[in-house]
PDB file of N, CA and C in Angstrom:
ATOM      1  N   MET A   1     130.170 -88.790 163.087  1.00  0.00           N
ATOM      2  CA  MET A   1     131.486 -89.701 163.834  1.00  0.00           C
ATOM      3  C   MET A   1     131.213 -90.304 165.395  1.00  0.00           C
ATOM      4  N   SER A   2     131.086 -91.428 165.515  1.00  0.00           N
ATOM      5  CA  SER A   2     131.110 -91.850 167.246  1.00  0.00           C
ATOM      6  C   SER A   2     132.097 -91.777 168.019  1.00  0.00           C
ATOM      7  N   GLU A   3     132.528 -91.707 169.056  1.00  0.00           N
ATOM      8  CA  GLU A   3     134.063 -91.745 169.546  1.00  0.00           C
ATOM      9  C   GLU A   3     133.844 -92.944 170.607  1.00  0.00           C
ATOM     10  N   VAL A   4     134.929 -93.319 170.821  1.00  0.00           N
ATOM     11  CA  VAL A   4     134.943 -94.692 171.591  1.00  0.00           C
ATOM     12  C   VAL A   4     134.965 -94.399 172.964  1.00  0.00           C
ATOM     13  N   GLN A   5     134.220 -94.857 173.752  1.00  0.00           N
ATOM     14  CA  GLN A   5     134.322 -94.606 175.600  1.00  0.00           C
ATOM     15  C   GLN A   5     135.526 -94.928 175.952  1.00  0.00           C
ATOM     16  N   GLY A   6     135.799 -93.650 176.920  1.00  0.00           N
ATOM     17  CA  GLY A   6     136.897 -94.134 177.547  1.00  0.00           C
ATOM     18  C   GLY A   6     138.028 -93.731 176.902  1.00  0.00           C
ATOM     19  N   ALA A   7     138.274 -93.151 175.218  1.00  0.00           N
ATOM     20  CA  ALA A   7     139.702 -92.698 175.133  1.00  0.00           C
ATOM     21  C   ALA A   7     139.424 -91.234 174.789  1.00  0.00           C
ATOM     22  N   GLU A   8     140.776 -90.559 174.942  1.00  0.00           N
ATOM     23  CA  GLU A   8     140.607 -88.966 174.780  1.00  0.00           C
ATOM     24  C   GLU A   8     140.798 -88.884 173.417  1.00  0.00           C
ATOM     25  N   ALA A   9     139.988 -87.800 172.759  1.00  0.00           N
ATOM     26  CA  ALA A   9     140.243 -87.347 171.576  1.00  0.00           C
ATOM     27  C   ALA A   9     141.085 -86.202 171.616  1.00  0.00           C
ATOM     28  N   ALA A  10     141.952 -86.602 170.362  1.00  0.00           N
ATOM     29  CA  ALA A  10     143.230 -85.474 170.115  1.00  0.00           C
ATOM     30  C   ALA A  10     142.261 -84.053 169.947  1.00  0.00           C
ATOM     31  N   PRO A  11     143.083 -82.958 170.546  1.00  0.00           N
ATOM     32  CA  PRO A  11     142.199 -81.520 170.392  1.00  0.00           C
ATOM     33  C   PRO A  11     142.445 -81.396 169.043  1.00  0.00           C
ATOM     34  N   SER A  12     141.133 -80.483 168.440  1.00  0.00           N
ATOM     35  CA  SER A  12     141.000 -79.996 167.337  1.00  0.00           C
ATOM     36  C   SER A  12     141.684 -78.650 167.219  1.00  0.00           C
ATOM     37  N   VAL A  13     141.671 -78.372 165.623  1.00  0.00           N
ATOM     38  CA  VAL A  13     142.793 -77.335 165.045  1.00  0.00           C
ATOM     39  C   VAL A  13     142.443 -76.182 165.678  1.00  0.00           C
ATOM     40  N   GLU A  14     141.081 -75.869 165.923  1.00  0.00           N
ATOM     41  CA  GLU A  14     140.478 -74.875 166.347  1.00  0.00           C
ATOM     42  C   GLU A  14     141.239 -74.648 168.135  1.00  0.00           C
ATOM     43  N   GLN A  15     140.917 -75.793 168.607  1.00  0.00           N
ATOM     44  CA  GLN A  15     141.313 -75.848 169.867  1.00  0.00           C
ATOM     45  C   GLN A  15     142.808 -75.298 170.345  1.00  0.00           C
ATOM     46  N   LEU A  16     143.591 -76.100 169.228  1.00  0.00           N
ATOM     47  CA  LEU A  16     145.065 -75.796 169.738  1.00  0.00           C
ATOM     48  C   LEU A  16     145.436 -74.185 168.853  1.00  0.00           C
ATOM     49  N   ARG A  17     144.485 -73.756 167.981  1.00  0.00           N
ATOM     50  CA  ARG A  17     144.786 -72.182 167.927  1.00  0.00           C
ATOM     51  C   ARG A  17     144.349 -71.301 168.752  1.00  0.00           C
ATOM     52  N   ALA A  18     142.939 -71.736 169.589  1.00  0.00           N
ATOM     53  CA  ALA A  18     142.647 -71.244 170.639  1.00  0.00           C
ATOM     54  C   ALA A  18     143.714 -70.763 171.566  1.00  0.00           C
ATOM     55  N   GLN A  19     144.462 -72.091 172.054  1.00  0.00           N
ATOM     56  CA  GLN A  19     145.239 -72.076 172.980  1.00  0.00           C
ATOM     57  C   GLN A  19     146.742 -71.318 172.545  1.00  0.00           C
ATOM     58  N   ALA A  20     146.856 -71.534 171.108  1.00  0.00           N
ATOM     59  CA  ALA A  20     148.026 -70.384 170.792  1.00  0.00           C
ATOM     60  C   ALA A  20     147.806 -68.980 170.888  1.00  0.00           C
ATOM     61  N   SER A  21     146.741 -68.451 170.503  1.00  0.00           N
ATOM     62  CA  SER A  21     146.441 -67.263 170.809  1.00  0.00           C
ATOM     63  C   SER A  21     146.671 -66.629 172.358  1.00  0.00           C
ATOM     64  N   VAL A  22     146.185 -67.689 173.178  1.00  0.00           N
ATOM     65  CA  VAL A  22     146.269 -67.371 174.670  1.00  0.00           C
ATOM     66  C   VAL A  22     147.895 -67.297 175.134  1.00  0.00           C
ATOM     67  N   VAL A  23     148.360 -68.316 174.719  1.00  0.00           N
ATOM     68  CA  VAL A  23     149.932 -68.432 175.039  1.00  0.00           C
ATOM     69  C   VAL A  23     151.027 -67.215 174.463  1.00  0.00           C
ATOM     70  N   GLY A  24     150.582 -66.905 173.310  1.00  0.00           N
ATOM     71  CA  GLY A  24     151.193 -66.054 172.268  1.00  0.00           C
ATOM     72  C   GLY A  24     152.131 -66.595 171.299  1.00  0.00           C
ATOM     73  N   HIS A  25     152.471 -67.793 171.191  1.00  0.00           N
ATOM     74  CA  HIS A  25     152.759 -68.357 170.135  1.00  0.00           C
ATOM     75  C   HIS A  25     152.137 -69.574 169.357  1.00  0.00           C
ATOM     76  N   ALA A  26     152.060 -69.195 167.926  1.00  0.00           N
ATOM     77  CA  ALA A  26     151.618 -70.055 167.362  1.00  0.00           C
ATOM     78  C   ALA A  26     151.692 -71.624 167.305  1.00  0.00           C
ATOM     79  N   ALA A  27     152.938 -71.632 167.577  1.00  0.00           N
ATOM     80  CA  ALA A  27     153.800 -72.904 166.927  1.00  0.00           C
ATOM     81  C   ALA A  27     153.761 -73.969 168.390  1.00  0.00           C
ATOM     82  N   ALA A  28     153.598 -73.475 169.239  1.00  0.00           N
ATOM     83  CA  ALA A  28     153.749 -74.197 170.696  1.00  0.00           C
ATOM     84  C   ALA A  28     152.897 -75.403 170.812  1.00  0.00           C
ATOM     85  N   PRO A  29     151.743 -75.040 170.535  1.00  0.00           N
ATOM     86  CA  PRO A  29     150.326 -76.177 171.130  1.00  0.00           C
ATOM     87  C   PRO A  29     150.441 -77.186 169.924  1.00  0.00           C
ATOM     88  N   PHE A  30     151.363 -77.047 168.627  1.00  0.00           N
ATOM     89  CA  PHE A  30     151.376 -78.024 167.596  1.00  0.00           C
ATOM     90  C   PHE A  30     152.383 -78.833 167.799  1.00  0.00           C
ATOM     91  N   ALA A  31     153.591 -78.025 168.397  1.00  0.00           N
ATOM     92  CA  ALA A  31     154.853 -78.786 168.794  1.00  0.00           C
ATOM     93  C   ALA A  31     154.418 -79.674 170.285  1.00  0.00           C
ATOM     94  N   GLN A  32     153.817 -79.195 170.945  1.00  0.00           N
ATOM     95  CA  GLN A  32     153.354 -80.035 171.838  1.00  0.00           C
ATOM     96  C   GLN A  32     152.409 -81.347 171.643  1.00  0.00           C
ATOM     97  N   ALA A  33     151.551 -81.104 170.774  1.00  0.00           N
ATOM     98  CA  ALA A  33     150.685 -82.102 170.402  1.00  0.00           C
ATOM     99  C   ALA A  33     151.689 -83.040 169.514  1.00  0.00           C
ATOM    100  N   ALA A  34     152.798 -82.514 168.562  1.00  0.00           N
ATOM    101  CA  ALA A  34     153.423 -83.403 168.170  1.00  0.00           C
ATOM    102  C   ALA A  34     154.313 -84.470 168.976  1.00  0.00           C
ATOM    103  N   ALA A  35     154.609 -83.910 169.787  1.00  0.00           N
ATOM    104  CA  ALA A  35     155.487 -84.424 171.030  1.00  0.00           C
ATOM    105  C   ALA A  35     154.760 -85.666 171.650  1.00  0.00           C
ATOM    106  N   GLU A  36     153.469 -85.326 171.563  1.00  0.00           N
ATOM    107  CA  GLU A  36     152.925 -86.642 172.744  1.00  0.00           C
ATOM    108  C   GLU A  36     152.418 -87.443 171.893  1.00  0.00           C
ATOM    109  N   ALA A  37     152.379 -87.237 170.223  1.00  0.00           N
ATOM    110  CA  ALA A  37     151.855 -88.326 169.733  1.00  0.00           C
ATOM    111  C   ALA A  37     153.218 -88.794 169.458  1.00  0.00           C
ATOM    112  N   ALA A  38     154.760 -88.229 169.445  1.00  0.00           N
ATOM    113  CA  ALA A  38     155.543 -89.421 168.949  1.00  0.00           C
ATOM    114  C   ALA A  38     156.054 -90.030 170.291  1.00  0.00           C
ATOM    115  N   ARG A  39     155.679 -89.907 171.291  1.00  0.00           N
ATOM    116  CA  ARG A  39     155.838 -90.666 172.535  1.00  0.00           C
ATOM    117  C   ARG A  39     156.209 -91.674 172.348  1.00  0.00           C
ATOM    118  N   PRO A  40     157.248 -92.685 172.747  1.00  0.00           N
ATOM    119  CA  PRO A  40     157.497 -94.001 172.805  1.00  0.00           C
ATOM    120  C   PRO A  40     156.575 -94.703 173.439  1.00  0.00           C
ATOM    121  N   SER A  41     155.968 -96.012 172.756  1.00  0.00           N
ATOM    122  CA  SER A  41     155.081 -97.090 173.400  1.00  0.00           C
ATOM    123  C   SER A  41     155.933 -97.632 174.697  1.00  0.00           C
ATOM    124  N   PRO A  42     154.879 -98.033 175.436  1.00  0.00           N
ATOM    125  CA  PRO A  42     154.753 -98.254 177.031  1.00  0.00           C
ATOM    126  C   PRO A  42     155.877 -99.632 176.811  1.00  0.00           C
ATOM    127  N   ASP A  43     155.690-100.454 175.674  1.00  0.00           N
ATOM    128  CA  ASP A  43     156.579-101.711 175.955  1.00  0.00           C
ATOM    129  C   ASP A  43     157.780-101.538 175.653  1.00  0.00           C
ATOM    130  N   LYS A  44     158.434-100.358 175.465  1.00  0.00           N
ATOM    131  CA  LYS A  44     159.711-100.081 175.048  1.00  0.00           C
ATOM    132  C   LYS A  44     160.405 -99.839 176.489  1.00  0.00           C
ATOM    133  N   GLU A  45     161.774-100.245 176.360  1.00  0.00           N
ATOM    134  CA  GLU A  45     162.506-100.130 177.874  1.00  0.00           C
ATOM    135  C   GLU A  45     162.772 -98.726 178.028  1.00  0.00           C
ATOM    136  N   PRO A  46     162.461 -98.132 179.158  1.00  0.00           N
ATOM    137  CA  PRO A  46     162.898 -96.687 179.494  1.00  0.00           C
ATOM    138  C   PRO A  46     164.197 -96.636 179.769  1.00  0.00           C
ATOM    139  N   VAL A  47     165.019 -95.250 179.289  1.00  0.00           N
ATOM    140  CA  VAL A  47     166.426 -94.928 179.146  1.00  0.00           C
ATOM    141  C   VAL A  47     166.879 -95.224 180.802  1.00  0.00           C
ATOM    142  N   GLY A  48     166.234 -94.987 181.758  1.00  0.00           N
ATOM    143  CA  GLY A  48     166.694 -94.980 182.934  1.00  0.00           C
ATOM    144  C   GLY A  48     166.985 -96.334 183.469  1.00  0.00           C
ATOM    145  N   ASP A  49     166.546 -97.447 182.792  1.00  0.00           N
ATOM    146  CA  ASP A  49     167.050 -98.697 183.303  1.00  0.00           C
ATOM    147  C   ASP A  49     168.230 -99.460 183.110  1.00  0.00           C
ATOM    148  N   LYS A  50     169.195 -98.344 182.561  1.00  0.00           N
ATOM    149  CA  LYS A  50     170.369 -99.000 182.216  1.00  0.00           C
ATOM    150  C   LYS A  50     171.518 -98.720 183.297  1.00  0.00           C
ATOM    151  N   LEU A  51     172.132-100.390 183.412  1.00  0.00           N
ATOM    152  CA  LEU A  51     173.360-100.005 184.269  1.00  0.00           C
ATOM    153  C   LEU A  51     174.807 -99.679 183.873  1.00  0.00           C
ATOM    154  N   GLU A  52     175.566 -98.942 184.608  1.00  0.00           N
ATOM    155  CA  GLU A  52     176.824 -98.682 183.734  1.00  0.00           C
ATOM    156  C   GLU A  52     177.572 -99.458 184.760  1.00  0.00           C
ATOM    157  N   PHE A  53     178.771-100.296 183.980  1.00  0.00           N
ATOM    158  CA  PHE A  53     180.056-100.638 184.945  1.00  0.00           C
ATOM    159  C   PHE A  53     181.223-100.071 183.682  1.00  0.00           C
ATOM    160  N   ASP A  54     182.074 -99.983 184.945  1.00  0.00           N
ATOM    161  CA  ASP A  54     183.420 -99.925 184.008  1.00  0.00           C
ATOM    162  C   ASP A  54     184.284-100.964 183.891  1.00  0.00           C
ATOM    163  N   GLY A  55     185.154-101.252 182.829  1.00  0.00           N
ATOM    164  CA  GLY A  55     185.816-102.552 182.709  1.00  0.00           C
ATOM    165  C   GLY A  55     186.826-102.457 181.655  1.00  0.00           C
ATOM    166  N   ALA A  56     187.325-103.542 181.474  1.00  0.00           N
ATOM    167  CA  ALA A  56     188.319-103.776 180.554  1.00  0.00           C
ATOM    168  C   ALA A  56     188.384-104.460 179.295  1.00  0.00           C
ATOM    169  N   VAL A  57     188.771-104.167 178.185  1.00  0.00           N
ATOM    170  CA  VAL A  57     188.419-104.940 176.948  1.00  0.00           C
ATOM    171  C   VAL A  57     189.340-106.151 177.237  1.00  0.00           C
ATOM    172  N   GLN A  58     188.495-107.318 176.789  1.00  0.00           N
ATOM    173  CA  GLN A  58     189.582-108.645 176.637  1.00  0.00           C
ATOM    174  C   GLN A  58     189.915-108.933 175.443  1.00  0.00           C
ATOM    175  N   GLU A  59     188.772-109.214 174.652  1.00  0.00           N
ATOM    176  CA  GLU A  59     189.131-109.430 173.299  1.00  0.00           C
ATOM    177  C   GLU A  59     188.267-108.885 172.213  1.00  0.00           C
ATOM    178  N   ILE A  60     188.775-108.542 171.229  1.00  0.00           N
ATOM    179  CA  ILE A  60     188.056-108.318 169.940  1.00  0.00           C
ATOM    180  C   ILE A  60     187.565-109.377 169.091  1.00  0.00           C
ATOM    181  N   LEU A  61     186.044-109.314 169.083  1.00  0.00           N
ATOM    182  CA  LEU A  61     185.485-110.389 168.223  1.00  0.00           C
ATOM    183  C   LEU A  61     184.634-109.895 166.606  1.00  0.00           C
ATOM    184  N   PRO A  62     184.451-110.648 165.517  1.00  0.00           N
ATOM    185  CA  PRO A  62     184.074-109.862 164.563  1.00  0.00           C
ATOM    186  C   PRO A  62     182.862-109.634 164.550  1.00  0.00           C
ATOM    187  N   ASN A  63     182.253-108.632 163.348  1.00  0.00           N
ATOM    188  CA  ASN A  63     181.215-107.547 163.541  1.00  0.00           C
ATOM    189  C   ASN A  63     181.157-106.491 164.818  1.00  0.00           C
ATOM    190  N   LYS A  64     182.386-105.766 164.926  1.00  0.00           N
ATOM    191  CA  LYS A  64     182.505-104.590 165.930  1.00  0.00           C
ATOM    192  C   LYS A  64     181.951-105.260 167.530  1.00  0.00           C
ATOM    193  N   MET A  65     182.390-106.530 167.581  1.00  0.00           N
ATOM    194  CA  MET A  65     181.747-107.110 169.305  1.00  0.00           C
ATOM    195  C   MET A  65     182.896-106.829 169.912  1.00  0.00           C
ATOM    196  N   TYR A  66     182.485-106.962 171.299  1.00  0.00           N
ATOM    197  CA  TYR A  66     183.946-106.925 172.213  1.00  0.00           C
ATOM    198  C   TYR A  66     183.719-107.902 173.358  1.00  0.00           C
ATOM    199  N   ARG A  67     184.709-108.539 174.059  1.00  0.00           N
ATOM    200  CA  ARG A  67     184.298-109.162 175.026  1.00  0.00           C
ATOM    201  C   ARG A  67     185.026-108.146 176.104  1.00  0.00           C
ATOM    202  N   VAL A  68     184.023-107.646 177.283  1.00  0.00           N
ATOM    203  CA  VAL A  68     184.781-106.890 178.437  1.00  0.00           C
ATOM    204  C   VAL A  68     184.357-107.614 179.586  1.00  0.00           C
ATOM    205  N   LYS A  69     185.555-107.550 180.334  1.00  0.00           N
ATOM    206  CA  LYS A  69     185.201-108.002 181.793  1.00  0.00           C
ATOM    207  C   LYS A  69     185.207-106.797 182.570  1.00  0.00           C
ATOM    208  N   ALA A  70     183.841-106.505 183.656  1.00  0.00           N
ATOM    209  CA  ALA A  70     183.539-105.442 184.194  1.00  0.00           C
ATOM    210  C   ALA A  70     184.608-105.528 185.442  1.00  0.00           C
ATOM    211  N   ASP A  71     184.364-104.447 186.131  1.00  0.00           N
ATOM    212  CA  ASP A  71     185.398-104.550 187.764  1.00  0.00           C
ATOM    213  C   ASP A  71     184.837-105.447 188.431  1.00  0.00           C
ATOM    214  N   ASN A  72     183.541-105.774 188.408  1.00  0.00           N
ATOM    215  CA  ASN A  72     182.766-106.222 189.396  1.00  0.00           C
ATOM    216  C   ASN A  72     182.946-107.720 189.184  1.00  0.00           C
ATOM    217  N   GLY A  73     183.349-107.998 188.235  1.00  0.00           N
ATOM    218  CA  GLY A  73     183.601-109.716 187.691  1.00  0.00           C
ATOM    219  C   GLY A  73     182.870-110.262 186.429  1.00  0.00           C
ATOM    220  N   LEU A  74     181.766-109.401 186.213  1.00  0.00           N
ATOM    221  CA  LEU A  74     180.573-109.707 185.313  1.00  0.00           C
ATOM    222  C   LEU A  74     181.286-109.719 183.882  1.00  0.00           C
ATOM    223  N   GLY A  75     181.065-110.717 182.931  1.00  0.00           N
ATOM    224  CA  GLY A  75     181.753-110.696 181.563  1.00  0.00           C
ATOM    225  C   GLY A  75     180.643-110.386 180.748  1.00  0.00           C
ATOM    226  N   VAL A  76     180.728-109.370 179.942  1.00  0.00           N
ATOM    227  CA  VAL A  76     179.995-108.598 178.819  1.00  0.00           C
ATOM    228  C   VAL A  76     180.073-108.786 177.455  1.00  0.00           C
ATOM    229  N   LEU A  77     179.342-109.416 176.455  1.00  0.00           N
ATOM    230  CA  LEU A  77     179.693-109.154 175.200  1.00  0.00           C
ATOM    231  C   LEU A  77     179.023-107.827 174.690  1.00  0.00           C
ATOM    232  N   ALA A  78     179.891-106.929 174.201  1.00  0.00           N
ATOM    233  CA  ALA A  78     179.389-105.753 173.943  1.00  0.00           C
ATOM    234  C   ALA A  78     179.957-105.326 172.444  1.00  0.00           C
ATOM    235  N   THR A  79     178.831-104.443 172.172  1.00  0.00           N
ATOM    236  CA  THR A  79     179.027-103.565 170.636  1.00  0.00           C
ATOM    237  C   THR A  79     179.287-102.440 171.453  1.00  0.00           C
ATOM    238  N   ILE A  80     179.840-101.339 170.305  1.00  0.00           N
ATOM    239  CA  ILE A  80     180.061-100.076 170.231  1.00  0.00           C
ATOM    240  C   ILE A  80     179.095 -99.149 170.148  1.00  0.00           C
ATOM    241  N   SER A  81     178.836 -97.844 170.539  1.00  0.00           N
ATOM    242  CA  SER A  81     177.652 -97.300 170.670  1.00  0.00           C
ATOM    243  C   SER A  81     177.716 -96.420 169.235  1.00  0.00           C
ATOM    244  N   ARG A  82     176.721 -95.957 168.675  1.00  0.00           N
ATOM    245  CA  ARG A  82     176.707 -95.584 167.282  1.00  0.00           C
ATOM    246  C   ARG A  82     177.751 -94.007 167.185  1.00  0.00           C
ATOM    247  N   ARG A  83     177.274 -93.226 168.073  1.00  0.00           N
ATOM    248  CA  ARG A  83     178.262 -92.370 168.509  1.00  0.00           C
ATOM    249  C   ARG A  83     179.977 -92.344 168.152  1.00  0.00           C
ATOM    250  N   MET A  84     180.020 -93.378 168.931  1.00  0.00           N
ATOM    251  CA  MET A  84     181.876 -93.894 168.858  1.00  0.00           C
ATOM    252  C   MET A  84     182.230 -94.511 167.433  1.00  0.00           C
ATOM    253  N   LEU A  85     181.072 -95.010 166.911  1.00  0.00           N
ATOM    254  CA  LEU A  85     181.532 -95.392 165.580  1.00  0.00           C
ATOM    255  C   LEU A  85     181.517 -94.300 164.579  1.00  0.00           C
ATOM    256  N   GLN A  86     180.531 -93.629 164.778  1.00  0.00           N
ATOM    257  CA  GLN A  86     180.369 -92.180 164.243  1.00  0.00           C
ATOM    258  C   GLN A  86     182.116 -90.988 164.093  1.00  0.00           C
ATOM    259  N   TYR A  87     182.453 -91.369 165.231  1.00  0.00           N
ATOM    260  CA  TYR A  87     183.863 -90.519 165.201  1.00  0.00           C
ATOM    261  C   TYR A  87     185.044 -91.397 165.223  1.00  0.00           C
ATOM    262  N   TYR A  88     184.805 -92.610 164.799  1.00  0.00           N
ATOM    263  CA  TYR A  88     186.100 -93.445 164.470  1.00  0.00           C
ATOM    264  C   TYR A  88     186.645 -93.934 165.651  1.00  0.00           C
ATOM    265  N   ILE A  89     185.963 -93.957 166.792  1.00  0.00           N
ATOM    266  CA  ILE A  89     186.923 -94.145 168.170  1.00  0.00           C
ATOM    267  C   ILE A  89     187.371 -95.633 168.343  1.00  0.00           C
ATOM    268  N   ALA A  90     188.542 -95.800 168.035  1.00  0.00           N
ATOM    269  CA  ALA A  90     189.343 -96.980 168.201  1.00  0.00           C
ATOM    270  C   ALA A  90     189.159 -97.728 169.732  1.00  0.00           C
ATOM    271  N   ILE A  91     188.911 -99.139 169.776  1.00  0.00           N
ATOM    272  CA  ILE A  91     188.908 -99.871 170.832  1.00  0.00           C
ATOM    273  C   ILE A  91     189.869-100.825 170.683  1.00  0.00           C
ATOM    274  N   ARG A  92     190.879-101.223 171.570  1.00  0.00           N
ATOM    275  CA  ARG A  92     191.944-102.194 171.529  1.00  0.00           C
ATOM    276  C   ARG A  92     191.860-102.697 172.704  1.00  0.00           C
ATOM    277  N   PRO A  93     192.247-104.269 172.736  1.00  0.00           N
ATOM    278  CA  PRO A  93     192.481-104.992 173.733  1.00  0.00           C
ATOM    279  C   PRO A  93     193.173-104.635 175.099  1.00  0.00           C
ATOM    280  N   GLY A  94     192.816-104.381 176.216  1.00  0.00           N
ATOM    281  CA  GLY A  94     193.330-103.799 177.315  1.00  0.00           C
ATOM    282  C   GLY A  94     192.856-102.069 177.594  1.00  0.00           C
ATOM    283  N   ASP A  95     191.855-101.861 176.634  1.00  0.00           N
ATOM    284  CA  ASP A  95     191.476-100.350 176.833  1.00  0.00           C
ATOM    285  C   ASP A  95     190.492-100.421 177.901  1.00  0.00           C
ATOM    286  N   ARG A  96     190.242 -99.279 178.742  1.00  0.00           N
ATOM    287  CA  ARG A  96     189.659 -99.428 179.980  1.00  0.00           C
ATOM    288  C   ARG A  96     188.076 -98.660 179.396  1.00  0.00           C
ATOM    289  N   VAL A  97     187.124 -99.269 179.401  1.00  0.00           N
ATOM    290  CA  VAL A  97     185.671 -98.693 178.844  1.00  0.00           C
ATOM    291  C   VAL A  97     184.734 -98.616 179.839  1.00  0.00           C
ATOM    292  N   THR A  98     183.475 -97.508 179.499  1.00  0.00           N
ATOM    293  CA  THR A  98     182.389 -97.839 180.363  1.00  0.00           C
ATOM    294  C   THR A  98     181.329 -98.732 179.577  1.00  0.00           C
ATOM    295  N   VAL A  99     180.828 -99.628 180.417  1.00  0.00           N
ATOM    296  CA  VAL A  99     179.664-100.342 179.837  1.00  0.00           C
ATOM    297  C   VAL A  99     178.437-100.291 180.161  1.00  0.00           C
ATOM    298  N   GLU A 100     177.140 -99.791 179.230  1.00  0.00           N
ATOM    299  CA  GLU A 100     175.999-100.025 179.528  1.00  0.00           C
ATOM    300  C   GLU A 100     175.205-101.188 179.186  1.00  0.00           C
ATOM    301  N   VAL A 101     174.822-101.581 180.405  1.00  0.00           N
ATOM    302  CA  VAL A 101     173.841-102.898 180.353  1.00  0.00           C
ATOM    303  C   VAL A 101     172.573-103.111 180.912  1.00  0.00           C
ATOM    304  N   SER A 102     171.710-103.756 179.979  1.00  0.00           N
ATOM    305  CA  SER A 102     170.180-103.720 180.285  1.00  0.00           C
ATOM    306  C   SER A 102     170.259-104.839 181.600  1.00  0.00           C
ATOM    307  N   PRO A 103     169.365-104.401 182.679  1.00  0.00           N
ATOM    308  CA  PRO A 103     168.963-105.640 183.483  1.00  0.00           C
ATOM    309  C   PRO A 103     168.491-106.514 183.209  1.00  0.00           C
ATOM    310  N   TYR A 104     167.468-106.776 182.111  1.00  0.00           N
ATOM    311  CA  TYR A 104     167.102-107.608 181.317  1.00  0.00           C
ATOM    312  C   TYR A 104     168.079-108.908 181.260  1.00  0.00           C
ATOM    313  N   ASP A 105     169.088-108.178 180.512  1.00  0.00           N
ATOM    314  CA  ASP A 105     170.135-109.389 179.679  1.00  0.00           C
ATOM    315  C   ASP A 105     171.615-108.752 180.316  1.00  0.00           C
ATOM    316  N   PRO A 106     171.800-109.140 181.550  1.00  0.00           N
ATOM    317  CA  PRO A 106     173.131-108.501 181.829  1.00  0.00           C
ATOM    318  C   PRO A 106     174.587-108.870 181.110  1.00  0.00           C
ATOM    319  N   SER A 107     174.317-110.389 180.071  1.00  0.00           N
ATOM    320  CA  SER A 107     175.486-110.665 179.672  1.00  0.00           C
ATOM    321  C   SER A 107     175.756-109.695 178.272  1.00  0.00           C
ATOM    322  N   ARG A 108     174.831-108.797 177.888  1.00  0.00           N
ATOM    323  CA  ARG A 108     175.425-108.050 176.850  1.00  0.00           C
ATOM    324  C   ARG A 108     175.054-106.496 177.327  1.00  0.00           C
ATOM    325  N   GLY A 109     175.718-105.888 176.204  1.00  0.00           N
ATOM    326  CA  GLY A 109     175.897-104.356 176.477  1.00  0.00           C
ATOM    327  C   GLY A 109     176.216-103.415 175.755  1.00  0.00           C
ATOM    328  N   ARG A 110     176.845-102.336 175.792  1.00  0.00           N
ATOM    329  CA  ARG A 110     176.846-101.302 174.649  1.00  0.00           C
ATOM    330  C   ARG A 110     178.145-100.297 175.174  1.00  0.00           C
ATOM    331  N   ILE A 111     179.136-100.164 174.682  1.00  0.00           N
ATOM    332  CA  ILE A 111     180.347 -99.898 175.444  1.00  0.00           C
ATOM    333  C   ILE A 111     180.021 -97.917 174.809  1.00  0.00           C
ATOM    334  N   THR A 112     179.939 -97.225 175.790  1.00  0.00           N
ATOM    335  CA  THR A 112     179.725 -95.907 175.776  1.00  0.00           C
ATOM    336  C   THR A 112     180.541 -94.878 175.611  1.00  0.00           C
ATOM    337  N   TYR A 113     181.802 -95.202 176.366  1.00  0.00           N
ATOM    338  CA  TYR A 113     183.060 -94.512 176.669  1.00  0.00           C
ATOM    339  C   TYR A 113     184.494 -95.067 176.650  1.00  0.00           C
ATOM    340  N   ARG A 114     184.996 -94.807 176.259  1.00  0.00           N
ATOM    341  CA  ARG A 114     186.902 -95.311 176.467  1.00  0.00           C
ATOM    342  C   ARG A 114     187.617 -94.490 177.032  1.00  0.00           C
ATOM    343  N   HIS A 115     188.155 -94.736 178.023  1.00  0.00           N
ATOM    344  CA  HIS A 115     188.597 -93.860 179.205  1.00  0.00           C
ATOM    345  C   HIS A 115     190.385 -93.937 178.537  1.00  0.00           C
ATOM    346  N   LYS A 116     190.605 -92.622 178.828  1.00  0.00           N
ATOM    347  CA  LYS A 116     192.211 -92.424 177.767  1.00  0.00           C
ATOM    348  C   LYS A 116     193.165 -92.603 179.011  1.00  0.00           C
TER     349      LYS A 116
END
């Protein structure tokens, strides 16, 4: 087999087993290699880039969309997060919510919390 120059080859099974005997746990290097393989691609947006605002729901729109007016005056078209959908958290006009907004499109966001 010819290897491409400049690219790191994945460790072989023998190398991972040798590391496991040193570490003392056989599954640790395999889990680490699997985690490195499952890393998101660099073109995806990092999680830390989100901006959060508190605001009030102005209007309920079709397809689980909400118009939210943030406290800083920003108008956001927001959907409800999957976790809130999973637990059937109802959102009504006038509710105080926390909205997560991407810096790349500040007119759209995701409702992550409904304040009590």
